[in-house]
């Protein structure tokens, strides 16, 4: 798969998909840029990390038109963080029942008859 220049995606969203009502599905962006969904997500993440107001909803990706849209995406991301944290904590809790990697159980049988 090709790598997408994230600035191209940012400009495209800003020019053509500003506001939730103009959101573009990942499949649409994949077709426009001839790349897969994983690369779209990677670019969106990088743009967000760089401070660009790239939002998402069930309608797709879009450039924020107002603070409310940005807030909705932040709330959605916070919910994902919470769910991932719960899964992480569950995994950490389950470790108590697992042996160490190099753990060898030795059973010693003692014959007391003589």
N, C-alpha and C. Protein backbone atom coordinates (compact mmCIF):
# COMPACT_ATOMS: atom_id res chain seq x y z
N UNK A 1 0.83 -1.20 0.00
CA UNK A 1 0.00 0.00 0.00
C UNK A 1 0.87 1.26 0.00
N UNK A 2 0.38 2.29 -0.61
CA UNK A 2 1.07 3.57 -0.64
C UNK A 2 0.90 4.28 0.70
N UNK A 3 1.85 5.14 1.00
CA UNK A 3 1.72 6.00 2.19
C UNK A 3 1.17 7.34 1.74
N UNK A 4 0.27 7.86 2.51
CA UNK A 4 -0.37 9.13 2.19
C UNK A 4 0.34 10.28 2.89
N UNK A 5 0.58 11.34 2.17
CA UNK A 5 1.08 12.56 2.78
C UNK A 5 -0.07 13.14 3.60
N UNK A 6 0.12 13.19 4.91
CA UNK A 6 -0.98 13.61 5.78
C UNK A 6 -1.47 15.02 5.50
N UNK A 7 -0.60 15.88 5.00
CA UNK A 7 -1.04 17.24 4.68
C UNK A 7 -2.05 17.25 3.53
N UNK A 8 -1.90 16.31 2.59
CA UNK A 8 -2.89 16.21 1.50
C UNK A 8 -4.26 15.84 2.05
N UNK A 9 -4.28 14.89 2.98
CA UNK A 9 -5.54 14.49 3.60
C UNK A 9 -6.16 15.65 4.36
N UNK A 10 -5.34 16.37 5.11
CA UNK A 10 -5.84 17.50 5.90
C UNK A 10 -6.47 18.56 4.98
N UNK A 11 -5.77 18.92 3.93
CA UNK A 11 -6.29 19.93 3.01
C UNK A 11 -7.55 19.45 2.30
N UNK A 12 -7.57 18.17 1.95
CA UNK A 12 -8.74 17.60 1.28
C UNK A 12 -9.96 17.66 2.20
N UNK A 13 -9.78 17.24 3.46
CA UNK A 13 -10.90 17.28 4.42
C UNK A 13 -11.35 18.71 4.66
N UNK A 14 -10.40 19.62 4.82
CA UNK A 14 -10.75 21.02 5.09
C UNK A 14 -11.53 21.63 3.92
N UNK A 15 -11.11 21.32 2.71
CA UNK A 15 -11.73 21.89 1.52
C UNK A 15 -13.08 21.24 1.19
N UNK A 16 -13.18 19.93 1.39
CA UNK A 16 -14.35 19.20 0.90
C UNK A 16 -15.26 18.60 1.97
N UNK A 17 -14.75 18.51 3.20
CA UNK A 17 -15.52 17.80 4.23
C UNK A 17 -15.46 18.53 5.57
N UNK A 18 -15.76 19.81 5.56
CA UNK A 18 -15.82 20.58 6.80
C UNK A 18 -17.22 20.46 7.37
N UNK A 19 -17.28 20.08 8.65
CA UNK A 19 -18.56 19.91 9.32
C UNK A 19 -19.06 18.48 9.24
N UNK A 20 -19.69 18.04 10.32
CA UNK A 20 -20.20 16.67 10.42
C UNK A 20 -21.13 16.32 9.25
N UNK A 21 -21.92 17.29 8.81
CA UNK A 21 -22.88 17.02 7.74
C UNK A 21 -22.19 16.71 6.41
N UNK A 22 -20.89 16.99 6.33
CA UNK A 22 -20.12 16.73 5.10
C UNK A 22 -19.08 15.62 5.29
N UNK A 23 -19.27 14.80 6.31
CA UNK A 23 -18.30 13.76 6.63
C UNK A 23 -18.09 12.80 5.45
N UNK A 24 -16.87 12.26 5.38
CA UNK A 24 -16.52 11.29 4.33
C UNK A 24 -16.21 9.95 4.99
N UNK A 25 -16.86 8.91 4.52
CA UNK A 25 -16.56 7.58 5.01
C UNK A 25 -15.12 7.20 4.67
N UNK A 26 -14.55 6.34 5.49
CA UNK A 26 -13.20 5.86 5.23
C UNK A 26 -13.09 5.27 3.83
N UNK A 27 -14.10 4.51 3.43
CA UNK A 27 -14.09 3.89 2.09
C UNK A 27 -13.97 4.94 0.99
N UNK A 28 -14.61 6.08 1.18
CA UNK A 28 -14.52 7.17 0.21
C UNK A 28 -13.10 7.71 0.16
N UNK A 29 -12.51 7.96 1.33
CA UNK A 29 -11.14 8.48 1.37
C UNK A 29 -10.15 7.46 0.81
N UNK A 30 -10.40 6.19 1.09
CA UNK A 30 -9.54 5.13 0.56
C UNK A 30 -9.56 5.15 -0.96
N UNK A 31 -10.74 5.35 -1.55
CA UNK A 31 -10.86 5.39 -3.01
C UNK A 31 -10.20 6.63 -3.60
N UNK A 32 -10.39 7.77 -2.94
CA UNK A 32 -9.81 9.02 -3.44
C UNK A 32 -8.28 8.96 -3.43
N UNK A 33 -7.71 8.43 -2.35
CA UNK A 33 -6.26 8.44 -2.19
C UNK A 33 -5.59 7.10 -2.55
N UNK A 34 -6.39 6.11 -2.92
CA UNK A 34 -5.86 4.79 -3.32
C UNK A 34 -5.00 4.16 -2.22
N UNK A 35 -5.52 4.20 -1.01
CA UNK A 35 -4.83 3.59 0.14
C UNK A 35 -5.85 2.86 1.00
N UNK A 36 -5.37 2.08 1.95
CA UNK A 36 -6.25 1.32 2.83
C UNK A 36 -6.70 2.10 4.05
N UNK A 37 -7.65 1.53 4.75
CA UNK A 37 -8.20 2.15 5.95
C UNK A 37 -7.17 2.35 7.05
N UNK A 38 -6.24 1.42 7.18
CA UNK A 38 -5.20 1.54 8.20
C UNK A 38 -4.35 2.80 7.98
N UNK A 39 -4.03 3.09 6.72
CA UNK A 39 -3.24 4.29 6.41
C UNK A 39 -4.06 5.56 6.66
N UNK A 40 -5.35 5.52 6.37
CA UNK A 40 -6.22 6.66 6.67
C UNK A 40 -6.19 6.92 8.18
N UNK A 41 -6.37 5.87 8.98
CA UNK A 41 -6.37 6.03 10.44
C UNK A 41 -5.03 6.54 10.95
N UNK A 42 -3.94 6.05 10.38
CA UNK A 42 -2.61 6.50 10.78
C UNK A 42 -2.45 8.00 10.51
N UNK A 43 -2.87 8.43 9.33
CA UNK A 43 -2.77 9.86 8.99
C UNK A 43 -3.67 10.72 9.86
N UNK A 44 -4.90 10.27 10.09
CA UNK A 44 -5.82 11.02 10.95
C UNK A 44 -5.20 11.18 12.34
N UNK A 45 -4.65 10.11 12.88
CA UNK A 45 -4.03 10.17 14.20
C UNK A 45 -2.87 11.17 14.20
N UNK A 46 -2.02 11.10 13.18
CA UNK A 46 -0.87 12.01 13.10
C UNK A 46 -1.34 13.46 13.01
N UNK A 47 -2.38 13.71 12.22
CA UNK A 47 -2.91 15.07 12.10
C UNK A 47 -3.46 15.56 13.43
N UNK A 48 -4.18 14.70 14.13
CA UNK A 48 -4.72 15.09 15.44
C UNK A 48 -3.58 15.39 16.41
N UNK A 49 -2.55 14.56 16.38
CA UNK A 49 -1.39 14.78 17.27
C UNK A 49 -0.70 16.11 16.97
N UNK A 50 -0.75 16.52 15.71
CA UNK A 50 -0.14 17.80 15.31
C UNK A 50 -1.07 18.99 15.54
N UNK A 51 -2.27 18.73 16.09
CA UNK A 51 -3.17 19.82 16.43
C UNK A 51 -4.20 20.20 15.37
N UNK A 52 -4.38 19.37 14.36
CA UNK A 52 -5.40 19.65 13.34
C UNK A 52 -6.75 19.11 13.82
N UNK A 53 -7.83 19.88 13.62
CA UNK A 53 -9.15 19.48 14.15
C UNK A 53 -9.87 18.47 13.25
N UNK A 54 -9.26 17.28 13.14
CA UNK A 54 -9.87 16.22 12.33
C UNK A 54 -10.79 15.40 13.25
N UNK A 55 -12.06 15.39 12.93
CA UNK A 55 -13.06 14.71 13.75
C UNK A 55 -13.55 13.46 13.05
N UNK A 56 -14.27 12.65 13.82
CA UNK A 56 -14.89 11.46 13.24
C UNK A 56 -16.16 11.15 14.00
N UNK A 57 -17.04 10.47 13.30
CA UNK A 57 -18.30 10.00 13.88
C UNK A 57 -18.71 8.78 13.07
N UNK A 58 -19.88 8.27 13.34
CA UNK A 58 -20.37 7.13 12.55
C UNK A 58 -20.58 7.53 11.09
N UNK A 59 -20.64 8.84 10.83
CA UNK A 59 -20.81 9.34 9.46
C UNK A 59 -19.50 9.40 8.69
N UNK A 60 -18.37 9.32 9.39
CA UNK A 60 -17.07 9.36 8.72
C UNK A 60 -16.15 10.41 9.33
N UNK A 61 -15.14 10.78 8.54
CA UNK A 61 -14.15 11.77 8.96
C UNK A 61 -14.52 13.14 8.41
N UNK A 62 -14.17 14.18 9.18
CA UNK A 62 -14.44 15.54 8.72
C UNK A 62 -13.56 16.53 9.47
N UNK A 63 -13.41 17.69 8.88
CA UNK A 63 -12.69 18.79 9.48
C UNK A 63 -13.70 19.56 10.34
N UNK A 64 -13.37 19.79 11.60
CA UNK A 64 -14.32 20.43 12.51
C UNK A 64 -14.74 21.81 12.02
N UNK A 65 -16.04 22.06 12.11
CA UNK A 65 -16.58 23.37 11.77
C UNK A 65 -16.80 24.22 13.02
N UNK A 66 -16.84 23.56 14.20
CA UNK A 66 -17.08 24.28 15.44
C UNK A 66 -16.52 23.48 16.63
N UNK A 67 -16.45 24.13 17.78
CA UNK A 67 -15.93 23.48 18.98
C UNK A 67 -16.79 22.30 19.42
N UNK A 68 -18.10 22.37 19.19
CA UNK A 68 -18.99 21.29 19.59
C UNK A 68 -18.61 19.99 18.88
N UNK A 69 -18.34 20.07 17.58
CA UNK A 69 -17.93 18.88 16.83
C UNK A 69 -16.62 18.32 17.37
N UNK A 70 -15.70 19.22 17.67
CA UNK A 70 -14.42 18.80 18.24
C UNK A 70 -14.65 18.13 19.60
N UNK A 71 -15.52 18.71 20.42
CA UNK A 71 -15.83 18.16 21.73
C UNK A 71 -16.44 16.77 21.64
N UNK A 72 -17.30 16.56 20.65
CA UNK A 72 -17.91 15.24 20.47
C UNK A 72 -16.86 14.18 20.15
N UNK A 73 -15.88 14.55 19.32
CA UNK A 73 -14.82 13.60 18.98
C UNK A 73 -13.93 13.35 20.18
N UNK A 74 -13.63 14.38 20.95
CA UNK A 74 -12.82 14.21 22.16
C UNK A 74 -13.54 13.29 23.14
N UNK A 75 -14.84 13.46 23.29
CA UNK A 75 -15.62 12.59 24.18
C UNK A 75 -15.57 11.15 23.70
N UNK A 76 -15.71 10.93 22.40
CA UNK A 76 -15.64 9.58 21.84
C UNK A 76 -14.26 8.97 22.09
N UNK A 77 -13.19 9.73 21.89
CA UNK A 77 -11.84 9.22 22.13
C UNK A 77 -11.63 8.92 23.61
N UNK A 78 -12.16 9.76 24.48
CA UNK A 78 -12.05 9.51 25.92
C UNK A 78 -12.74 8.22 26.31
N UNK A 79 -13.88 7.94 25.69
CA UNK A 79 -14.59 6.69 25.96
C UNK A 79 -13.76 5.49 25.50
N UNK A 80 -13.12 5.60 24.35
CA UNK A 80 -12.24 4.53 23.86
C UNK A 80 -11.07 4.31 24.81
N UNK A 81 -10.49 5.40 25.29
CA UNK A 81 -9.38 5.30 26.24
C UNK A 81 -9.83 4.55 27.48
N UNK A 82 -11.02 4.88 27.98
CA UNK A 82 -11.56 4.23 29.17
C UNK A 82 -11.75 2.74 28.93
N UNK A 83 -12.31 2.36 27.79
CA UNK A 83 -12.53 0.94 27.48
C UNK A 83 -11.21 0.19 27.32
N UNK A 84 -10.24 0.81 26.68
CA UNK A 84 -8.92 0.18 26.53
C UNK A 84 -8.25 0.03 27.89
N UNK A 85 -8.40 1.02 28.75
CA UNK A 85 -7.83 0.96 30.09
C UNK A 85 -8.45 -0.19 30.90
N UNK A 86 -9.77 -0.37 30.76
CA UNK A 86 -10.42 -1.49 31.47
C UNK A 86 -9.89 -2.83 30.97
N UNK A 87 -9.70 -2.96 29.67
CA UNK A 87 -9.17 -4.20 29.11
C UNK A 87 -7.74 -4.44 29.60
N UNK A 88 -6.94 -3.39 29.63
CA UNK A 88 -5.56 -3.49 30.13
C UNK A 88 -5.55 -3.93 31.58
N UNK A 89 -6.39 -3.31 32.39
CA UNK A 89 -6.45 -3.67 33.81
C UNK A 89 -6.89 -5.11 34.00
N UNK A 90 -7.84 -5.57 33.19
CA UNK A 90 -8.27 -6.96 33.27
C UNK A 90 -7.15 -7.92 32.94
N UNK A 91 -6.37 -7.58 31.92
CA UNK A 91 -5.22 -8.42 31.57
C UNK A 91 -4.19 -8.44 32.69
N UNK A 92 -3.93 -7.28 33.26
CA UNK A 92 -2.96 -7.23 34.36
C UNK A 92 -3.45 -8.06 35.55
N UNK A 93 -4.74 -7.99 35.84
CA UNK A 93 -5.31 -8.76 36.94
C UNK A 93 -5.20 -10.26 36.66
N UNK A 94 -5.37 -10.65 35.41
CA UNK A 94 -5.32 -12.08 35.06
C UNK A 94 -3.91 -12.65 35.22
N UNK A 95 -2.90 -11.82 35.26
CA UNK A 95 -1.51 -12.30 35.36
C UNK A 95 -1.27 -13.06 36.66
N UNK A 96 -2.04 -12.76 37.69
CA UNK A 96 -1.84 -13.42 38.98
C UNK A 96 -2.06 -14.93 38.89
N UNK A 97 -2.84 -15.36 37.91
CA UNK A 97 -3.15 -16.79 37.76
C UNK A 97 -2.21 -17.51 36.81
N UNK A 98 -1.28 -16.80 36.22
CA UNK A 98 -0.37 -17.40 35.25
C UNK A 98 1.01 -17.61 35.85
N UNK A 99 1.68 -18.70 35.48
CA UNK A 99 3.05 -18.91 35.98
C UNK A 99 4.03 -18.00 35.26
N UNK A 100 5.18 -17.77 35.87
CA UNK A 100 6.24 -17.06 35.19
C UNK A 100 6.70 -17.90 34.01
N UNK A 101 7.29 -17.28 33.02
CA UNK A 101 7.71 -17.99 31.81
C UNK A 101 8.68 -19.12 32.11
N UNK A 102 9.61 -18.89 33.02
CA UNK A 102 10.63 -19.89 33.32
C UNK A 102 10.29 -20.73 34.54
N UNK A 103 9.04 -20.69 34.93
CA UNK A 103 8.59 -21.42 36.11
C UNK A 103 8.49 -22.91 35.79
N UNK A 104 9.11 -23.73 36.61
CA UNK A 104 9.03 -25.18 36.47
C UNK A 104 8.48 -25.73 37.77
N UNK A 105 7.39 -26.44 37.65
CA UNK A 105 6.79 -27.04 38.84
C UNK A 105 7.44 -28.40 39.06
N UNK A 106 7.94 -28.62 40.27
CA UNK A 106 8.58 -29.90 40.61
C UNK A 106 7.77 -30.54 41.72
N UNK A 107 7.33 -31.74 41.47
CA UNK A 107 6.62 -32.51 42.49
C UNK A 107 7.60 -33.52 43.07
N UNK A 108 7.75 -33.52 44.38
CA UNK A 108 8.65 -34.47 45.05
C UNK A 108 7.80 -35.48 45.78
N UNK A 109 8.04 -36.73 45.47
CA UNK A 109 7.30 -37.80 46.12
C UNK A 109 8.29 -38.50 47.05
N UNK A 110 7.94 -38.55 48.30
CA UNK A 110 8.80 -39.16 49.30
C UNK A 110 8.24 -40.51 49.68
N UNK A 111 9.08 -41.52 49.60
CA UNK A 111 8.68 -42.86 49.98
C UNK A 111 9.09 -43.06 51.43
N UNK A 112 8.15 -43.18 52.31
CA UNK A 112 8.42 -43.27 53.75
C UNK A 112 8.46 -44.73 54.24
N UNK A 113 8.39 -45.68 53.34
CA UNK A 113 8.31 -47.08 53.76
C UNK A 113 9.68 -47.72 53.94
N UNK A 114 10.65 -47.15 53.73
CA UNK A 114 11.85 -47.80 54.08
C UNK A 114 13.02 -47.74 53.29
